[in-house]
Amino acid sequence: MNRAAWLQDRRMQKFRDVLSRWERGGLSMMDAGEILGMSERQFRRYRDRYEEEGLAGLVDRRLGKPSPKRVPSRDVALMLELYGAHIGAGT
């Protein structure tokens, strides 16, 4: 299990624990969000997604997607080629 998957699994466990405490009346939404490091509104959104989709609703949808800032491999190859030519020229 890679680090990102492990962290996601840990966040899901923590969310379920905090959600169960909130459902029993032991926590307010504000307290639950604070424990999870999110706002009360974000806690409500997570709760709604969990009720609609189960654990699948808590999956971080950003994981596994390439960054929109990622440089295309052809540009990297060109840069390395130009850099090698520059270094090889002795300047």
PDB file of N, CA and C in Angstrom:
ATOM      1  N   MET A   1       0.861  -1.177   0.000  1.00  0.00           N
ATOM      2  CA  MET A   1       0.000   0.000   0.000  1.00  0.00           C
ATOM      3  C   MET A   1       0.903   1.234   0.000  1.00  0.00           C
ATOM      4  N   ASN A   2       0.694   2.135  -0.964  1.00  0.00           N
ATOM      5  CA  ASN A   2       1.524   3.331  -1.004  1.00  0.00           C
ATOM      6  C   ASN A   2       1.047   4.342   0.032  1.00  0.00           C
ATOM      7  N   ARG A   3       1.837   5.371   0.222  1.00  0.00           N
ATOM      8  CA  ARG A   3       1.572   6.347   1.271  1.00  0.00           C
ATOM      9  C   ARG A   3       0.231   7.062   1.074  1.00  0.00           C
ATOM     10  N   ALA A   4      -0.065   7.466  -0.157  1.00  0.00           N
ATOM     11  CA  ALA A   4      -1.317   8.178  -0.430  1.00  0.00           C
ATOM     12  C   ALA A   4      -2.528   7.311  -0.097  1.00  0.00           C
ATOM     13  N   ALA A   5      -2.470   6.045  -0.474  1.00  0.00           N
ATOM     14  CA  ALA A   5      -3.586   5.135  -0.182  1.00  0.00           C
ATOM     15  C   ALA A   5      -3.713   4.910   1.318  1.00  0.00           C
ATOM     16  N   TRP A   6      -2.574   4.780   1.995  1.00  0.00           N
ATOM     17  CA  TRP A   6      -2.606   4.580   3.442  1.00  0.00           C
ATOM     18  C   TRP A   6      -3.209   5.801   4.131  1.00  0.00           C
ATOM     19  N   LEU A   7      -2.788   6.996   3.728  1.00  0.00           N
ATOM     20  CA  LEU A   7      -3.320   8.218   4.330  1.00  0.00           C
ATOM     21  C   LEU A   7      -4.818   8.362   4.070  1.00  0.00           C
ATOM     22  N   GLN A   8      -5.237   8.009   2.861  1.00  0.00           N
ATOM     23  CA  GLN A   8      -6.667   8.091   2.546  1.00  0.00           C
ATOM     24  C   GLN A   8      -7.455   7.124   3.420  1.00  0.00           C
ATOM     25  N   ASP A   9      -6.950   5.920   3.578  1.00  0.00           N
ATOM     26  CA  ASP A   9      -7.614   4.932   4.425  1.00  0.00           C
ATOM     27  C   ASP A   9      -7.712   5.439   5.853  1.00  0.00           C
ATOM     28  N   ARG A  10      -6.650   6.045   6.327  1.00  0.00           N
ATOM     29  CA  ARG A  10      -6.633   6.593   7.697  1.00  0.00           C
ATOM     30  C   ARG A  10      -7.652   7.718   7.848  1.00  0.00           C
ATOM     31  N   ARG A  11      -7.734   8.612   6.839  1.00  0.00           N
ATOM     32  CA  ARG A  11      -8.718   9.706   6.886  1.00  0.00           C
ATOM     33  C   ARG A  11     -10.140   9.161   6.903  1.00  0.00           C
ATOM     34  N   MET A  12     -10.393   8.096   6.132  1.00  0.00           N
ATOM     35  CA  MET A  12     -11.732   7.504   6.093  1.00  0.00           C
ATOM     36  C   MET A  12     -12.091   6.905   7.452  1.00  0.00           C
ATOM     37  N   GLN A  13     -11.141   6.225   8.085  1.00  0.00           N
ATOM     38  CA  GLN A  13     -11.390   5.660   9.417  1.00  0.00           C
ATOM     39  C   GLN A  13     -11.697   6.758  10.418  1.00  0.00           C
ATOM     40  N   LYS A  14     -10.883   7.806  10.379  1.00  0.00           N
ATOM     41  CA  LYS A  14     -11.074   8.909  11.325  1.00  0.00           C
ATOM     42  C   LYS A  14     -12.431   9.577  11.098  1.00  0.00           C
ATOM     43  N   PHE A  15     -12.806   9.749   9.825  1.00  0.00           N
ATOM     44  CA  PHE A  15     -14.104  10.351   9.529  1.00  0.00           C
ATOM     45  C   PHE A  15     -15.236   9.503  10.094  1.00  0.00           C
ATOM     46  N   ARG A  16     -15.163   8.189   9.876  1.00  0.00           N
ATOM     47  CA  ARG A  16     -16.225   7.308  10.392  1.00  0.00           C
ATOM     48  C   ARG A  16     -16.300   7.366  11.912  1.00  0.00           C
ATOM     49  N   ASP A  17     -15.156   7.415  12.579  1.00  0.00           N
ATOM     50  CA  ASP A  17     -15.145   7.509  14.043  1.00  0.00           C
ATOM     51  C   ASP A  17     -15.793   8.809  14.520  1.00  0.00           C
ATOM     52  N   VAL A  18     -15.403   9.916  13.890  1.00  0.00           N
ATOM     53  CA  VAL A  18     -15.958  11.217  14.275  1.00  0.00           C
ATOM     54  C   VAL A  18     -17.436  11.288  13.925  1.00  0.00           C
ATOM     55  N   LEU A  19     -17.822  10.744  12.774  1.00  0.00           N
ATOM     56  CA  LEU A  19     -19.237  10.744  12.377  1.00  0.00           C
ATOM     57  C   LEU A  19     -20.078   9.969  13.391  1.00  0.00           C
ATOM     58  N   SER A  20     -19.586   8.831  13.846  1.00  0.00           N
ATOM     59  CA  SER A  20     -20.357   8.054  14.820  1.00  0.00           C
ATOM     60  C   SER A  20     -20.483   8.813  16.142  1.00  0.00           C
ATOM     61  N   ARG A  21     -19.421   9.521  16.532  1.00  0.00           N
ATOM     62  CA  ARG A  21     -19.518  10.345  17.753  1.00  0.00           C
ATOM     63  C   ARG A  21     -20.528  11.465  17.568  1.00  0.00           C
ATOM     64  N   TRP A  22     -20.561  12.072  16.368  1.00  0.00           N
ATOM     65  CA  TRP A  22     -21.522  13.127  16.091  1.00  0.00           C
ATOM     66  C   TRP A  22     -22.951  12.570  16.103  1.00  0.00           C
ATOM     67  N   GLU A  23     -23.150  11.387  15.500  1.00  0.00           N
ATOM     68  CA  GLU A  23     -24.483  10.778  15.453  1.00  0.00           C
ATOM     69  C   GLU A  23     -25.001  10.443  16.845  1.00  0.00           C
ATOM     70  N   ARG A  24     -24.115  10.065  17.757  1.00  0.00           N
ATOM     71  CA  ARG A  24     -24.534   9.760  19.132  1.00  0.00           C
ATOM     72  C   ARG A  24     -24.807  11.022  19.947  1.00  0.00           C
ATOM     73  N   GLY A  25     -24.476  12.188  19.363  1.00  0.00           N
ATOM     74  CA  GLY A  25     -24.729  13.444  20.062  1.00  0.00           C
ATOM     75  C   GLY A  25     -23.563  13.898  20.920  1.00  0.00           C
ATOM     76  N   GLY A  26     -22.433  13.236  20.799  1.00  0.00           N
ATOM     77  CA  GLY A  26     -21.265  13.596  21.602  1.00  0.00           C
ATOM     78  C   GLY A  26     -20.504  14.784  21.061  1.00  0.00           C
ATOM     79  N   LEU A  27     -20.755  15.143  19.808  1.00  0.00           N
ATOM     80  CA  LEU A  27     -20.043  16.254  19.181  1.00  0.00           C
ATOM     81  C   LEU A  27     -21.015  17.119  18.396  1.00  0.00           C
ATOM     82  N   SER A  28     -20.710  18.399  18.327  1.00  0.00           N
ATOM     83  CA  SER A  28     -21.450  19.266  17.413  1.00  0.00           C
ATOM     84  C   SER A  28     -20.787  19.161  16.046  1.00  0.00           C
ATOM     85  N   MET A  29     -21.449  19.659  15.024  1.00  0.00           N
ATOM     86  CA  MET A  29     -20.848  19.633  13.688  1.00  0.00           C
ATOM     87  C   MET A  29     -19.568  20.459  13.666  1.00  0.00           C
ATOM     88  N   MET A  30     -19.574  21.558  14.382  1.00  0.00           N
ATOM     89  CA  MET A  30     -18.389  22.405  14.427  1.00  0.00           C
ATOM     90  C   MET A  30     -17.222  21.659  15.082  1.00  0.00           C
ATOM     91  N   ASP A  31     -17.502  20.956  16.176  1.00  0.00           N
ATOM     92  CA  ASP A  31     -16.451  20.178  16.849  1.00  0.00           C
ATOM     93  C   ASP A  31     -15.946  19.050  15.961  1.00  0.00           C
ATOM     94  N   ALA A  32     -16.870  18.381  15.283  1.00  0.00           N
ATOM     95  CA  ALA A  32     -16.488  17.273  14.401  1.00  0.00           C
ATOM     96  C   ALA A  32     -15.590  17.777  13.276  1.00  0.00           C
ATOM     97  N   GLY A  33     -15.959  18.890  12.686  1.00  0.00           N
ATOM     98  CA  GLY A  33     -15.131  19.464  11.630  1.00  0.00           C
ATOM     99  C   GLY A  33     -13.770  19.874  12.142  1.00  0.00           C
ATOM    100  N   GLU A  34     -13.741  20.438  13.325  1.00  0.00           N
ATOM    101  CA  GLU A  34     -12.471  20.872  13.918  1.00  0.00           C
ATOM    102  C   GLU A  34     -11.540  19.682  14.166  1.00  0.00           C
ATOM    103  N   ILE A  35     -12.078  18.591  14.655  1.00  0.00           N
ATOM    104  CA  ILE A  35     -11.271  17.387  14.890  1.00  0.00           C
ATOM    105  C   ILE A  35     -10.679  16.881  13.577  1.00  0.00           C
ATOM    106  N   LEU A  36     -11.468  16.962  12.514  1.00  0.00           N
ATOM    107  CA  LEU A  36     -11.022  16.467  11.208  1.00  0.00           C
ATOM    108  C   LEU A  36     -10.187  17.487  10.441  1.00  0.00           C
ATOM    109  N   GLY A  37     -10.080  18.693  10.979  1.00  0.00           N
ATOM    110  CA  GLY A  37      -9.293  19.717  10.299  1.00  0.00           C
ATOM    111  C   GLY A  37     -10.012  20.332   9.117  1.00  0.00           C
ATOM    112  N   MET A  38     -11.330  20.437   9.221  1.00  0.00           N
ATOM    113  CA  MET A  38     -12.121  21.015   8.143  1.00  0.00           C
ATOM    114  C   MET A  38     -13.207  21.894   8.750  1.00  0.00           C
ATOM    115  N   SER A  39     -13.887  22.624   7.910  1.00  0.00           N
ATOM    116  CA  SER A  39     -14.964  23.485   8.391  1.00  0.00           C
ATOM    117  C   SER A  39     -16.219  22.656   8.663  1.00  0.00           C
ATOM    118  N   GLU A  40     -17.148  23.283   9.371  1.00  0.00           N
ATOM    119  CA  GLU A  40     -18.442  22.638   9.636  1.00  0.00           C
ATOM    120  C   GLU A  40     -19.147  22.324   8.312  1.00  0.00           C
ATOM    121  N   ARG A  41     -19.071  23.240   7.364  1.00  0.00           N
ATOM    122  CA  ARG A  41     -19.712  23.043   6.062  1.00  0.00           C
ATOM    123  C   ARG A  41     -19.100  21.852   5.318  1.00  0.00           C
ATOM    124  N   GLN A  42     -17.759  21.750   5.367  1.00  0.00           N
ATOM    125  CA  GLN A  42     -17.108  20.629   4.688  1.00  0.00           C
ATOM    126  C   GLN A  42     -17.474  19.314   5.362  1.00  0.00           C
ATOM    127  N   PHE A  43     -17.597  19.322   6.691  1.00  0.00           N
ATOM    128  CA  PHE A  43     -18.027  18.112   7.394  1.00  0.00           C
ATOM    129  C   PHE A  43     -19.410  17.697   6.921  1.00  0.00           C
ATOM    130  N   ARG A  44     -20.336  18.665   6.766  1.00  0.00           N
ATOM    131  CA  ARG A  44     -21.682  18.346   6.271  1.00  0.00           C
ATOM    132  C   ARG A  44     -21.621  17.753   4.866  1.00  0.00           C
ATOM    133  N   ARG A  45     -20.765  18.310   4.013  1.00  0.00           N
ATOM    134  CA  ARG A  45     -20.636  17.785   2.655  1.00  0.00           C
ATOM    135  C   ARG A  45     -20.127  16.350   2.672  1.00  0.00           C
ATOM    136  N   TYR A  46     -19.101  16.098   3.486  1.00  0.00           N
ATOM    137  CA  TYR A  46     -18.579  14.735   3.595  1.00  0.00           C
ATOM    138  C   TYR A  46     -19.651  13.794   4.129  1.00  0.00           C
ATOM    139  N   ARG A  47     -20.395  14.230   5.134  1.00  0.00           N
ATOM    140  CA  ARG A  47     -21.455  13.396   5.700  1.00  0.00           C
ATOM    141  C   ARG A  47     -22.496  13.056   4.646  1.00  0.00           C
ATOM    142  N   ASP A  48     -22.899  14.052   3.862  1.00  0.00           N
ATOM    143  CA  ASP A  48     -23.890  13.826   2.802  1.00  0.00           C
ATOM    144  C   ASP A  48     -23.364  12.855   1.750  1.00  0.00           C
ATOM    145  N   ARG A  49     -22.103  13.031   1.347  1.00  0.00           N
ATOM    146  CA  ARG A  49     -21.515  12.116   0.361  1.00  0.00           C
ATOM    147  C   ARG A  49     -21.422  10.706   0.926  1.00  0.00           C
ATOM    148  N   TYR A  50     -21.095  10.598   2.211  1.00  0.00           N
ATOM    149  CA  TYR A  50     -20.994   9.285   2.850  1.00  0.00           C
ATOM    150  C   TYR A  50     -22.361   8.609   2.894  1.00  0.00           C
ATOM    151  N   GLU A  51     -23.417   9.375   3.205  1.00  0.00           N
ATOM    152  CA  GLU A  51     -24.766   8.812   3.255  1.00  0.00           C
ATOM    153  C   GLU A  51     -25.244   8.384   1.870  1.00  0.00           C
ATOM    154  N   GLU A  52     -24.871   9.137   0.830  1.00  0.00           N
ATOM    155  CA  GLU A  52     -25.320   8.822  -0.529  1.00  0.00           C
ATOM    156  C   GLU A  52     -24.516   7.699  -1.183  1.00  0.00           C
ATOM    157  N   GLU A  53     -23.180   7.727  -0.990  1.00  0.00           N
ATOM    158  CA  GLU A  53     -22.316   6.821  -1.742  1.00  0.00           C
ATOM    159  C   GLU A  53     -21.542   5.836  -0.875  1.00  0.00           C
ATOM    160  N   GLY A  54     -21.657   5.943   0.425  1.00  0.00           N
ATOM    161  CA  GLY A  54     -20.885   5.074   1.310  1.00  0.00           C
ATOM    162  C   GLY A  54     -19.420   5.475   1.306  1.00  0.00           C
ATOM    163  N   LEU A  55     -18.541   4.519   1.549  1.00  0.00           N
ATOM    164  CA  LEU A  55     -17.109   4.817   1.605  1.00  0.00           C
ATOM    165  C   LEU A  55     -16.580   5.361   0.284  1.00  0.00           C
ATOM    166  N   ALA A  56     -17.171   4.948  -0.817  1.00  0.00           N
ATOM    167  CA  ALA A  56     -16.727   5.435  -2.124  1.00  0.00           C
ATOM    168  C   ALA A  56     -16.881   6.951  -2.237  1.00  0.00           C
ATOM    169  N   GLY A  57     -17.815   7.525  -1.510  1.00  0.00           N
ATOM    170  CA  GLY A  57     -18.016   8.971  -1.535  1.00  0.00           C
ATOM    171  C   GLY A  57     -16.919   9.742  -0.837  1.00  0.00           C
ATOM    172  N   LEU A  58     -16.127   9.056  -0.016  1.00  0.00           N
ATOM    173  CA  LEU A  58     -15.058   9.720   0.723  1.00  0.00           C
ATOM    174  C   LEU A  58     -13.711   9.661   0.009  1.00  0.00           C
ATOM    175  N   VAL A  59     -13.654   8.935  -1.092  1.00  0.00           N
ATOM    176  CA  VAL A  59     -12.392   8.788  -1.819  1.00  0.00           C
ATOM    177  C   VAL A  59     -11.977  10.139  -2.386  1.00  0.00           C
ATOM    178  N   ASP A  60     -10.695  10.462  -2.217  1.00  0.00           N
ATOM    179  CA  ASP A  60     -10.156  11.701  -2.754  1.00  0.00           C
ATOM    180  C   ASP A  60     -10.102  11.583  -4.272  1.00  0.00           C
ATOM    181  N   ARG A  61     -10.899  12.355  -4.938  1.00  0.00           N
ATOM    182  CA  ARG A  61     -11.034  12.230  -6.394  1.00  0.00           C
ATOM    183  C   ARG A  61      -9.831  12.775  -7.151  1.00  0.00           C
ATOM    184  N   ARG A  62      -8.946  13.471  -6.446  1.00  0.00           N
ATOM    185  CA  ARG A  62      -7.756  14.018  -7.100  1.00  0.00           C
ATOM    186  C   ARG A  62      -6.678  12.962  -7.283  1.00  0.00           C
ATOM    187  N   LEU A  63      -6.691  11.914  -6.448  1.00  0.00           N
ATOM    188  CA  LEU A  63      -5.652  10.906  -6.518  1.00  0.00           C
ATOM    189  C   LEU A  63      -5.719  10.145  -7.836  1.00  0.00           C
ATOM    190  N   GLY A  64      -4.565   9.884  -8.404  1.00  0.00           N
ATOM    191  CA  GLY A  64      -4.486   9.118  -9.640  1.00  0.00           C
ATOM    192  C   GLY A  64      -4.624   9.949 -10.901  1.00  0.00           C
ATOM    193  N   LYS A  65      -4.919  11.232 -10.748  1.00  0.00           N
ATOM    194  CA  LYS A  65      -5.030  12.104 -11.916  1.00  0.00           C
ATOM    195  C   LYS A  65      -3.717  12.864 -12.070  1.00  0.00           C
ATOM    196  N   PRO A  66      -3.250  13.000 -13.305  1.00  0.00           N
ATOM    197  CA  PRO A  66      -2.023  13.784 -13.502  1.00  0.00           C
ATOM    198  C   PRO A  66      -2.282  15.260 -13.200  1.00  0.00           C
ATOM    199  N   SER A  67      -1.256  15.918 -12.717  1.00  0.00           N
ATOM    200  CA  SER A  67      -1.361  17.336 -12.403  1.00  0.00           C
ATOM    201  C   SER A  67      -1.567  18.141 -13.680  1.00  0.00           C
ATOM    202  N   PRO A  68      -2.458  19.133 -13.654  1.00  0.00           N
ATOM    203  CA  PRO A  68      -2.621  19.976 -14.843  1.00  0.00           C
ATOM    204  C   PRO A  68      -1.383  20.827 -15.107  1.00  0.00           C
ATOM    205  N   LYS A  69      -0.496  20.927 -14.126  1.00  0.00           N
ATOM    206  CA  LYS A  69       0.735  21.702 -14.275  1.00  0.00           C
ATOM    207  C   LYS A  69       1.896  20.853 -14.787  1.00  0.00           C
ATOM    208  N   ARG A  70       1.656  19.580 -15.004  1.00  0.00           N
ATOM    209  CA  ARG A  70       2.715  18.671 -15.432  1.00  0.00           C
ATOM    210  C   ARG A  70       3.233  19.062 -16.821  1.00  0.00           C
ATOM    211  N   VAL A  71       4.545  19.066 -16.967  1.00  0.00           N
ATOM    212  CA  VAL A  71       5.176  19.415 -18.235  1.00  0.00           C
ATOM    213  C   VAL A  71       5.134  18.189 -19.144  1.00  0.00           C
ATOM    214  N   PRO A  72       4.715  18.347 -20.407  1.00  0.00           N
ATOM    215  CA  PRO A  72       4.684  17.214 -21.335  1.00  0.00           C
ATOM    216  C   PRO A  72       6.087  16.615 -21.509  1.00  0.00           C
ATOM    217  N   SER A  73       6.158  15.308 -21.703  1.00  0.00           N
ATOM    218  CA  SER A  73       7.445  14.620 -21.787  1.00  0.00           C
ATOM    219  C   SER A  73       8.276  15.103 -22.971  1.00  0.00           C
ATOM    220  N   ARG A  74       7.630  15.485 -24.076  1.00  0.00           N
ATOM    221  CA  ARG A  74       8.403  15.977 -25.224  1.00  0.00           C
ATOM    222  C   ARG A  74       9.106  17.288 -24.876  1.00  0.00           C
ATOM    223  N   ASP A  75       8.477  18.126 -24.065  1.00  0.00           N
ATOM    224  CA  ASP A  75       9.108  19.385 -23.644  1.00  0.00           C
ATOM    225  C   ASP A  75      10.281  19.111 -22.708  1.00  0.00           C
ATOM    226  N   VAL A  76      10.147  18.117 -21.842  1.00  0.00           N
ATOM    227  CA  VAL A  76      11.241  17.744 -20.950  1.00  0.00           C
ATOM    228  C   VAL A  76      12.421  17.231 -21.766  1.00  0.00           C
ATOM    229  N   ALA A  77      12.134  16.383 -22.752  1.00  0.00           N
ATOM    230  CA  ALA A  77      13.199  15.841 -23.602  1.00  0.00           C
ATOM    231  C   ALA A  77      13.919  16.955 -24.349  1.00  0.00           C
ATOM    232  N   LEU A  78      13.176  17.916 -24.880  1.00  0.00           N
ATOM    233  CA  LEU A  78      13.772  19.048 -25.586  1.00  0.00           C
ATOM    234  C   LEU A  78      14.646  19.867 -24.651  1.00  0.00           C
ATOM    235  N   MET A  79      14.155  20.127 -23.451  1.00  0.00           N
ATOM    236  CA  MET A  79      14.918  20.898 -22.482  1.00  0.00           C
ATOM    237  C   MET A  79      16.232  20.190 -22.147  1.00  0.00           C
ATOM    238  N   LEU A  80      16.176  18.884 -21.916  1.00  0.00           N
ATOM    239  CA  LEU A  80      17.386  18.128 -21.594  1.00  0.00           C
ATOM    240  C   LEU A  80      18.364  18.121 -22.766  1.00  0.00           C
ATOM    241  N   GLU A  81      17.812  18.025 -23.970  1.00  0.00           N
ATOM    242  CA  GLU A  81      18.661  18.054 -25.167  1.00  0.00           C
ATOM    243  C   GLU A  81      19.362  19.403 -25.285  1.00  0.00           C
ATOM    244  N   LEU A  82      18.617  20.482 -25.120  1.00  0.00           N
ATOM    245  CA  LEU A  82      19.208  21.822 -25.192  1.00  0.00           C
ATOM    246  C   LEU A  82      20.204  22.056 -24.070  1.00  0.00           C
ATOM    247  N   TYR A  83      19.896  21.582 -22.889  1.00  0.00           N
ATOM    248  CA  TYR A  83      20.789  21.743 -21.756  1.00  0.00           C
ATOM    249  C   TYR A  83      22.089  20.977 -22.002  1.00  0.00           C
ATOM    250  N   GLY A  84      21.975  19.745 -22.525  1.00  0.00           N
ATOM    251  CA  GLY A  84      23.164  18.949 -22.858  1.00  0.00           C
ATOM    252  C   GLY A  84      24.012  19.619 -23.913  1.00  0.00           C
ATOM    253  N   ALA A  85      23.374  20.211 -24.922  1.00  0.00           N
ATOM    254  CA  ALA A  85      24.115  20.911 -25.972  1.00  0.00           C
ATOM    255  C   ALA A  85      24.812  22.138 -25.398  1.00  0.00           C
ATOM    256  N   HIS A  86      24.164  22.803 -24.480  1.00  0.00           N
ATOM    257  CA  HIS A  86      24.737  24.009 -23.852  1.00  0.00           C
ATOM    258  C   HIS A  86      25.942  23.631 -22.995  1.00  0.00           C
ATOM    259  N   ILE A  87      25.835  22.580 -22.210  1.00  0.00           N
ATOM    260  CA  ILE A  87      26.924  22.121 -21.350  1.00  0.00           C
ATOM    261  C   ILE A  87      28.076  21.586 -22.206  1.00  0.00           C
ATOM    262  N   GLY A  88      27.740  20.852 -23.265  1.00  0.00           N
ATOM    263  CA  GLY A  88      28.762  20.290 -24.148  1.00  0.00           C
ATOM    264  C   GLY A  88      29.536  21.356 -24.910  1.00  0.00           C
ATOM    265  N   ALA A  89      28.935  22.526 -25.093  1.00  0.00           N
ATOM    266  CA  ALA A  89      29.591  23.614 -25.816  1.00  0.00           C
ATOM    267  C   ALA A  89      30.620  24.318 -24.944  1.00  0.00           C
ATOM    268  N   GLY A  90      30.628  24.030 -23.648  1.00  0.00           N
ATOM    269  CA  GLY A  90      31.604  24.613 -22.743  1.00  0.00           C
ATOM    270  C   GLY A  90      31.242  25.980 -22.211  1.00  0.00           C
ATOM    271  N   THR A  91      30.011  26.413 -22.350  1.00  0.00           N
ATOM    272  CA  THR A  91      29.610  27.712 -21.814  1.00  0.00           C
ATOM    273  C   THR A  91      28.856  27.593 -20.535  1.00  0.00           C
TER     274      THR A  91
END
